[in-house]
C-alpha atoms as a PDB file:
ATOM      1  CA  MET A   1       0.000   0.000   0.000  1.00  0.00           C
ATOM      2  CA  ALA A   2       1.450   3.337  -1.012  1.00  0.00           C
ATOM      3  CA  THR A   3       1.012   6.364   1.192  1.00  0.00           C
ATOM      4  CA  ASP A   4      -1.000   9.124  -0.385  1.00  0.00           C
ATOM      5  CA  GLN A   5      -2.801  12.168   0.996  1.00  0.00           C
ATOM      6  CA  TYR A   6      -5.841  10.084   1.904  1.00  0.00           C
ATOM      7  CA  VAL A   7      -3.800   7.533   3.869  1.00  0.00           C
ATOM      8  CA  GLU A   8      -1.790  10.278   5.556  1.00  0.00           C
ATOM      9  CA  GLY A   9      -4.975  12.098   6.562  1.00  0.00           C
ATOM     10  CA  GLU A  10      -6.506   8.926   7.967  1.00  0.00           C
ATOM     11  CA  LEU A  11      -3.301   8.150   9.841  1.00  0.00           C
ATOM     12  CA  GLN A  12      -3.134  11.640  11.352  1.00  0.00           C
ATOM     13  CA  HIS A  13      -6.785  11.331  12.389  1.00  0.00           C
ATOM     14  CA  LEU A  14      -6.127   7.920  13.962  1.00  0.00           C
ATOM     15  CA  LEU A  15      -3.153   9.177  15.972  1.00  0.00           C
ATOM     16  CA  ALA A  16      -4.978  12.239  17.273  1.00  0.00           C
ATOM     17  CA  GLU A  17      -8.508  10.977  17.812  1.00  0.00           C
ATOM     18  CA  ASP A  18      -8.586   7.218  18.384  1.00  0.00           C
ATOM     19  CA  GLU A  19      -9.423   6.740  22.081  1.00  0.00           C
ATOM     20  CA  ARG A  20      -6.713   4.102  22.455  1.00  0.00           C
ATOM     21  CA  ILE A  21      -4.048   6.529  21.220  1.00  0.00           C
ATOM     22  CA  THR A  22      -5.052  10.234  21.384  1.00  0.00           C
ATOM     23  CA  GLU A  23      -1.444  11.182  20.821  1.00  0.00           C
ATOM     24  CA  GLN A  24      -0.418  14.426  19.164  1.00  0.00           C
ATOM     25  CA  GLY A  25       3.293  14.028  19.922  1.00  0.00           C
ATOM     26  CA  ILE A  26       3.729  11.128  17.509  1.00  0.00           C
ATOM     27  CA  ARG A  27       4.361  11.871  13.869  1.00  0.00           C
ATOM     28  CA  PHE A  28       5.027   9.717  10.860  1.00  0.00           C
ATOM     29  CA  VAL A  29       7.476   9.926   8.008  1.00  0.00           C
ATOM     30  CA  ARG A  30       7.391   8.167   4.671  1.00  0.00           C
ATOM     31  CA  THR A  31       9.932   5.432   4.088  1.00  0.00           C
ATOM     32  CA  ASP A  32      10.807   3.501   0.932  1.00  0.00           C
ATOM     33  CA  SER A  33       8.396   0.741   1.890  1.00  0.00           C
ATOM     34  CA  GLY A  34       5.768   2.445   4.074  1.00  0.00           C
ATOM     35  CA  ILE A  35       5.905   4.722   7.119  1.00  0.00           C
ATOM     36  CA  ALA A  36       7.883   5.127  10.314  1.00  0.00           C
ATOM     37  CA  LEU A  37       6.258   6.339  13.530  1.00  0.00           C
ATOM     38  CA  VAL A  38       8.532   8.685  15.484  1.00  0.00           C
ATOM     39  CA  GLY A  39       8.310  10.595  18.748  1.00  0.00           C
ATOM     40  CA  GLU A  40       8.417   9.776  22.443  1.00  0.00           C
ATOM     41  CA  VAL A  41       5.940   8.322  24.914  1.00  0.00           C
ATOM     42  CA  GLU A  42       6.079   7.584  28.629  1.00  0.00           C
ATOM     43  CA  SER A  43       6.059   3.776  28.544  1.00  0.00           C
ATOM     44  CA  ALA A  44       6.868   0.757  26.426  1.00  0.00           C
ATOM     45  CA  GLU A  45       3.263  -0.405  26.804  1.00  0.00           C
ATOM     46  CA  ARG A  46       1.988   2.868  25.328  1.00  0.00           C
ATOM     47  CA  ARG A  47       4.468   2.627  22.441  1.00  0.00           C
ATOM     48  CA  ASP A  48       3.400  -0.943  21.707  1.00  0.00           C
ATOM     49  CA  THR A  49      -0.290   0.013  21.784  1.00  0.00           C
ATOM     50  CA  ILE A  50       0.221   2.858  19.318  1.00  0.00           C
ATOM     51  CA  CYS A  51       2.186   0.667  16.917  1.00  0.00           C
ATOM     52  CA  ARG A  52      -0.332  -2.170  17.182  1.00  0.00           C
ATOM     53  CA  VAL A  53      -3.357   0.084  16.564  1.00  0.00           C
ATOM     54  CA  VAL A  54      -1.720   1.711  13.525  1.00  0.00           C
ATOM     55  CA  ALA A  55      -0.688  -1.675  12.096  1.00  0.00           C
ATOM     56  CA  GLU A  56      -4.226  -3.043  12.603  1.00  0.00           C
ATOM     57  CA  ALA A  57      -5.812   0.009  10.952  1.00  0.00           C
ATOM     58  CA  PHE A  58      -3.459  -0.174   7.949  1.00  0.00           C
ATOM     59  CA  PRO A  59      -2.676  -3.879   7.483  1.00  0.00           C
ATOM     60  CA  ASP A  60      -1.233  -3.417   3.978  1.00  0.00           C
ATOM     61  CA  LEU A  61       1.109  -0.590   5.002  1.00  0.00           C
ATOM     62  CA  PRO A  62       4.526  -1.557   6.401  1.00  0.00           C
ATOM     63  CA  VAL A  63       4.947   0.310   9.707  1.00  0.00           C
ATOM     64  CA  GLN A  64       8.275   0.833  11.464  1.00  0.00           C
ATOM     65  CA  CYS A  65       7.907   1.710  15.129  1.00  0.00           C
ATOM     66  CA  ASN A  66      10.676   4.184  15.960  1.00  0.00           C
ATOM     67  CA  ILE A  67       8.965   5.624  19.031  1.00  0.00           C
ATOM     68  CA  GLY A  68      11.316   6.265  21.922  1.00  0.00           C
ATOM     69  CA  LEU A  69      10.650   6.375  25.638  1.00  0.00           C
ATOM     70  CA  THR A  70      10.715   9.605  27.617  1.00  0.00           C
ATOM     71  CA  ARG A  71      13.253   9.420  30.391  1.00  0.00           C
ATOM     72  CA  VAL A  72      11.597  10.385  33.624  1.00  0.00           C
ATOM     73  CA  HIS A  73      13.220  10.237  37.026  1.00  0.00           C
ATOM     74  CA  GLU A  74      12.499  11.500  40.504  1.00  0.00           C
ATOM     75  CA  PRO A  75      13.880  14.919  41.410  1.00  0.00           C
ATOM     76  CA  GLU A  76      17.242  14.806  43.127  1.00  0.00           C
ATOM     77  CA  GLU A  77      16.512  17.783  45.370  1.00  0.00           C
ATOM     78  CA  VAL A  78      13.498  18.659  47.460  1.00  0.00           C
ATOM     79  CA  GLU A  79      11.815  21.859  46.382  1.00  0.00           C
ATOM     80  CA  GLU A  80      11.141  24.159  49.314  1.00  0.00           C
ATOM     81  CA  LEU A  81       8.286  26.625  49.094  1.00  0.00           C
END
């Protein structure tokens, strides 16, 4: 399946409005064979869900999941107010 404006519009809609995803920080780029999802999310589970939902919605489109994980850690110092 080639990516065209229709597919790209549907993909953008899926990323932003599907209740399982609702992610505006993820974008996609065209590759030689399909698309690559790029961006960062807070957990591996969230990344896997996004990639799975996109792959299910576009079964004929090769999807590379290049979504990274946001590095979050506890503050080292206590903030005094």
